[in-house]
Amino acid sequence: MINTASLSYRGPDGNLVSAMSNTVVVAVSTVPPVQPPVILGFAPFAGELRAQDTLSVTLSGGPVDRLEWVFTPQTAPISGASGSSSASAPAATSFPVTTAVPSLVLGTVAALSPGSWHVSVTAINGAGSSAPAQTDFVLVAEELASIQVFPNPWRKDRHGGTPVVFEGLTANATVKIFSVSGHLVRTLGPASGRVSWDLRTESGQEAASGLYLFLVVDSQGARSRGRLAVLR
């Protein structure tokens, strides 16, 4: 806003003098308050992801200071030797990760192992936080060497009603289960991440007690073998 005034007065000599007054400039600015961020959703991705893949979210609202990611296993990872682990699954644990950008390369999260995962992400700034965005995905192994089978051995007195799980499958892997004599008992898949065996044969009968051999073959031709015991 600019104000200008004209002044007139008579000087000592009696003459009329006119002059402009000082000019005053006032600038008024209105700064809107910072809004909390908003997550519109996850960028489209295939349900099966690998370590080199990226999860991303689309943002709106105010600027983002950081994003809080929380990964929770849908099926808890199993420790032990591949194909013969008798370890039981521990309780699911959440793994938090913080980023400054709305994307995350899965391989940078050391806690993630092949299997089914749930992820929740929240965007935060000084004005508040967004509602969390959530989704599920399957982290696929890069190679068949990471396959785990549990429970192994399967015992009816301990595991009745629980299937045998093959975990850590690569993309489109097929599991073939054989008797020690080489007879095909059951084919599972194709599947990625994990697949379960209900301990029934191809004809729907209960698999008898004994030692079984399994062969896993993926879409790239990679193979993995192991043994599985069933005790009824």
Protein backbone atom coordinates (compact mmCIF):
# COMPACT_ATOMS: atom_id res chain seq x y z
CA MET A 1 0.00 0.00 0.00
CA ILE A 2 1.44 3.42 -1.01
CA ASN A 3 0.42 6.75 0.61
CA THR A 4 1.57 10.10 -0.86
CA ALA A 5 0.78 13.54 0.59
CA SER A 6 1.32 17.04 -0.84
CA LEU A 7 2.47 19.74 1.63
CA SER A 8 2.13 23.53 1.07
CA TYR A 9 3.59 26.22 3.35
CA ARG A 10 5.05 29.75 3.21
CA GLY A 11 8.71 30.15 3.76
CA PRO A 12 10.47 32.88 5.72
CA ASP A 13 10.38 35.06 2.66
CA GLY A 14 6.60 34.75 2.40
CA ASN A 15 6.67 32.72 -0.79
CA LEU A 16 4.37 29.64 -1.08
CA VAL A 17 6.29 26.37 -1.19
CA SER A 18 4.78 23.02 -2.22
CA ALA A 19 6.50 19.63 -1.74
CA MET A 20 5.70 15.92 -1.69
CA SER A 21 5.82 14.09 1.63
CA ASN A 22 7.82 10.97 2.30
CA THR A 23 6.47 7.79 0.63
CA VAL A 24 5.54 4.84 2.88
CA VAL A 25 5.25 1.33 1.42
CA VAL A 26 3.58 -1.41 3.50
CA ALA A 27 3.67 -5.01 2.18
CA VAL A 28 1.19 -7.57 3.61
CA SER A 29 1.80 -11.29 3.04
CA THR A 30 -0.35 -14.24 4.17
CA VAL A 31 1.43 -17.64 4.54
CA PRO A 32 -0.95 -20.60 4.68
CA PRO A 33 -0.30 -23.10 7.51
CA VAL A 34 1.57 -26.31 6.68
CA GLN A 35 -0.81 -29.22 6.12
CA PRO A 36 -0.19 -32.81 7.25
CA PRO A 37 0.88 -35.16 4.43
CA VAL A 38 -1.54 -37.57 2.78
CA ILE A 39 -0.68 -40.98 1.28
CA LEU A 40 -2.86 -41.67 -1.76
CA GLY A 41 -1.74 -45.28 -2.00
CA PHE A 42 1.00 -47.62 -3.16
CA ALA A 43 2.35 -47.46 -6.68
CA PRO A 44 1.15 -50.55 -8.60
CA PHE A 45 3.36 -53.60 -8.18
CA ALA A 46 3.20 -57.35 -8.76
CA GLY A 47 2.19 -59.34 -5.70
CA GLU A 48 5.53 -61.17 -5.89
CA LEU A 49 8.65 -59.05 -5.32
CA ARG A 50 12.39 -59.66 -5.16
CA ALA A 51 15.10 -58.00 -3.12
CA GLN A 52 15.98 -55.58 -5.94
CA ASP A 53 12.38 -54.38 -6.30
CA THR A 54 11.07 -51.10 -4.87
CA LEU A 55 7.91 -50.28 -2.92
CA SER A 56 6.66 -46.72 -3.46
CA VAL A 57 3.76 -44.59 -2.24
CA THR A 58 2.10 -41.58 -3.87
CA LEU A 59 1.89 -38.45 -1.68
CA SER A 60 -0.34 -35.38 -1.43
CA GLY A 61 -0.93 -32.66 1.16
CA GLY A 62 1.96 -30.97 2.96
CA PRO A 63 5.68 -31.67 2.51
CA VAL A 64 7.05 -34.83 4.09
CA ASP A 65 9.83 -34.90 6.68
CA ARG A 66 10.05 -38.71 6.88
CA LEU A 67 8.17 -41.93 6.24
CA GLU A 68 7.85 -44.73 8.78
CA TRP A 69 7.60 -48.25 7.28
CA VAL A 70 6.67 -51.28 9.40
CA PHE A 71 7.09 -54.80 7.98
CA THR A 72 5.37 -57.73 9.68
CA PRO A 73 5.79 -61.34 8.51
CA GLN A 74 2.55 -63.12 7.69
CA THR A 75 4.43 -66.34 8.31
CA ALA A 76 7.39 -66.09 10.64
CA PRO A 77 10.82 -66.91 9.12
CA ILE A 78 12.35 -70.23 10.12
CA SER A 79 16.00 -70.71 11.05
CA GLY A 80 17.83 -73.95 10.43
CA ALA A 81 19.26 -76.07 7.66
CA SER A 82 17.48 -76.09 4.33
CA GLY A 83 15.18 -79.05 3.74
CA SER A 84 15.66 -80.64 7.15
CA SER A 85 14.88 -77.95 9.72
CA SER A 86 12.92 -79.10 12.74
CA ALA A 87 12.74 -75.57 14.21
CA SER A 88 9.32 -74.22 15.01
CA ALA A 89 8.11 -70.81 13.84
CA PRO A 90 8.73 -67.95 16.33
CA ALA A 91 6.09 -65.34 17.03
CA ALA A 92 5.75 -62.69 14.34
CA THR A 93 7.88 -59.58 14.95
CA SER A 94 7.53 -56.18 13.30
CA PHE A 95 10.51 -54.49 11.65
CA PRO A 96 10.40 -50.64 11.44
CA VAL A 97 12.32 -48.68 8.81
CA THR A 98 12.55 -44.89 8.28
CA THR A 99 13.14 -43.17 4.93
CA ALA A 100 13.26 -39.56 3.77
CA VAL A 101 11.72 -40.39 0.39
CA PRO A 102 8.46 -42.18 -0.50
CA SER A 103 10.15 -45.32 -1.79
CA LEU A 104 12.12 -48.23 -0.40
CA VAL A 105 14.28 -50.92 -2.01
CA LEU A 106 13.37 -54.17 -0.26
CA GLY A 107 16.94 -55.44 -0.27
CA THR A 108 17.97 -52.60 2.07
CA VAL A 109 15.80 -54.07 4.84
CA ALA A 110 18.07 -56.72 6.31
CA ALA A 111 15.28 -58.36 8.32
CA LEU A 112 13.22 -59.33 5.25
CA SER A 113 13.44 -62.98 4.25
CA PRO A 114 11.51 -64.87 1.56
CA GLY A 115 7.87 -65.32 2.49
CA SER A 116 4.61 -63.42 2.90
CA TRP A 117 4.77 -59.90 4.39
CA HIS A 118 2.44 -57.11 5.45
CA VAL A 119 3.70 -53.51 5.26
CA SER A 120 2.26 -50.33 6.76
CA VAL A 121 3.70 -46.88 5.96
CA THR A 122 2.96 -43.47 7.50
CA ALA A 123 4.13 -40.05 6.23
CA ILE A 124 5.06 -37.43 8.86
CA ASN A 125 5.81 -33.69 8.98
CA GLY A 126 5.67 -30.91 11.58
CA ALA A 127 1.90 -30.53 11.20
CA GLY A 128 1.07 -34.18 11.83
CA SER A 129 1.01 -37.56 10.16
CA SER A 130 -0.99 -39.29 7.45
CA ALA A 131 -3.31 -42.22 7.86
CA PRO A 132 -1.23 -45.38 7.30
CA ALA A 133 -1.29 -47.08 3.91
CA GLN A 134 -1.10 -50.88 4.03
CA THR A 135 -0.57 -53.73 1.62
CA ASP A 136 0.65 -57.34 1.43
CA PHE A 137 3.31 -58.88 -0.79
CA VAL A 138 5.35 -62.06 -1.20
CA LEU A 139 9.12 -61.74 -1.15
CA VAL A 140 10.45 -64.36 -3.57
CA ALA A 141 13.83 -65.98 -3.09
CA GLU A 142 16.53 -65.37 -5.68
CA GLU A 143 17.64 -69.01 -5.59
CA LEU A 144 16.24 -72.33 -4.39
CA ALA A 145 19.03 -72.82 -1.86
CA SER A 146 16.99 -70.94 0.74
CA ILE A 147 14.09 -73.46 0.80
CA GLN A 148 12.93 -74.50 4.27
CA VAL A 149 10.47 -77.25 5.17
CA PHE A 150 8.54 -77.34 8.44
CA PRO A 151 7.56 -79.11 10.53
CA ASN A 152 10.11 -81.75 9.68
CA PRO A 153 9.64 -84.38 10.91
CA TRP A 154 5.86 -84.08 10.88
CA ARG A 155 4.37 -85.96 13.84
CA LYS A 156 0.66 -86.58 14.21
CA ASP A 157 0.79 -86.29 18.02
CA ARG A 158 2.32 -82.80 17.73
CA HIS A 159 1.25 -81.46 14.37
CA GLY A 160 -2.13 -83.06 13.68
CA GLY A 161 -4.20 -80.69 11.54
CA THR A 162 -1.09 -78.68 10.55
CA PRO A 163 0.22 -78.96 6.97
CA VAL A 164 3.83 -79.28 5.93
CA VAL A 165 5.05 -75.95 4.52
CA PHE A 166 7.68 -75.44 1.82
CA GLU A 167 8.98 -71.89 2.32
CA GLY A 168 11.35 -69.76 0.23
CA LEU A 169 10.22 -70.86 -3.22
CA THR A 170 11.35 -68.90 -6.24
CA ALA A 171 8.81 -67.72 -8.82
CA ASN A 172 6.50 -70.40 -10.26
CA ALA A 173 8.21 -73.30 -8.50
CA THR A 174 6.75 -76.82 -8.47
CA VAL A 175 7.24 -79.24 -5.58
CA LYS A 176 7.13 -82.98 -6.29
CA ILE A 177 6.98 -85.39 -3.35
CA PHE A 178 8.14 -88.99 -3.84
CA SER A 179 8.30 -92.14 -1.76
CA VAL A 180 11.80 -93.56 -1.23
CA SER A 181 10.97 -96.13 -3.92
CA GLY A 182 10.50 -93.30 -6.44
CA HIS A 183 6.69 -93.34 -6.63
CA LEU A 184 5.20 -89.85 -7.13
CA VAL A 185 3.02 -89.09 -4.10
CA ARG A 186 1.93 -85.48 -4.71
CA THR A 187 2.67 -82.46 -6.92
CA LEU A 188 2.28 -78.98 -5.42
CA GLY A 189 2.22 -75.68 -7.30
CA PRO A 190 3.30 -73.90 -9.38
CA ALA A 191 3.65 -71.46 -6.51
CA SER A 192 5.86 -68.61 -5.35
CA GLY A 193 7.08 -67.89 -1.82
CA ARG A 194 5.46 -70.85 -0.09
CA VAL A 195 3.18 -73.81 -0.63
CA SER A 196 1.55 -76.26 1.80
CA TRP A 197 1.09 -80.03 1.71
CA ASP A 198 -1.95 -81.43 3.51
CA LEU A 199 -0.20 -84.83 3.78
CA ARG A 200 -2.50 -86.42 1.25
CA THR A 201 -1.62 -88.25 -1.95
CA GLU A 202 -2.74 -87.34 -5.45
CA SER A 203 -5.73 -89.66 -4.93
CA GLY A 204 -6.73 -87.91 -1.69
CA GLN A 205 -5.57 -90.63 0.72
CA GLU A 206 -3.52 -89.91 3.83
CA ALA A 207 0.19 -90.27 3.24
CA ALA A 208 1.57 -93.17 5.29
CA SER A 209 4.32 -92.91 7.87
CA GLY A 210 7.77 -92.96 6.36
CA LEU A 211 10.53 -91.03 4.70
CA TYR A 212 9.70 -88.94 1.63
CA LEU A 213 11.90 -87.21 -0.92
CA PHE A 214 11.00 -83.89 -2.49
CA LEU A 215 12.20 -82.17 -5.64
CA VAL A 216 11.64 -78.45 -6.27
CA VAL A 217 11.97 -77.07 -9.80
CA ASP A 218 11.36 -73.42 -10.71
CA SER A 219 10.52 -71.73 -14.02
CA GLN A 220 14.24 -71.18 -14.75
CA GLY A 221 15.05 -74.87 -14.36
CA ALA A 222 16.82 -74.49 -10.98
CA ARG A 223 16.43 -77.54 -8.73
CA SER A 224 16.58 -78.32 -5.03
CA ARG A 225 16.17 -81.69 -3.25
CA GLY A 226 15.55 -82.75 0.30
CA ARG A 227 13.96 -85.23 2.69
CA LEU A 228 10.82 -85.14 4.76
CA ALA A 229 9.70 -87.56 7.49
CA VAL A 230 6.07 -88.32 8.36
CA LEU A 231 5.25 -90.08 11.65
CA ARG A 232 1.63 -91.10 12.27
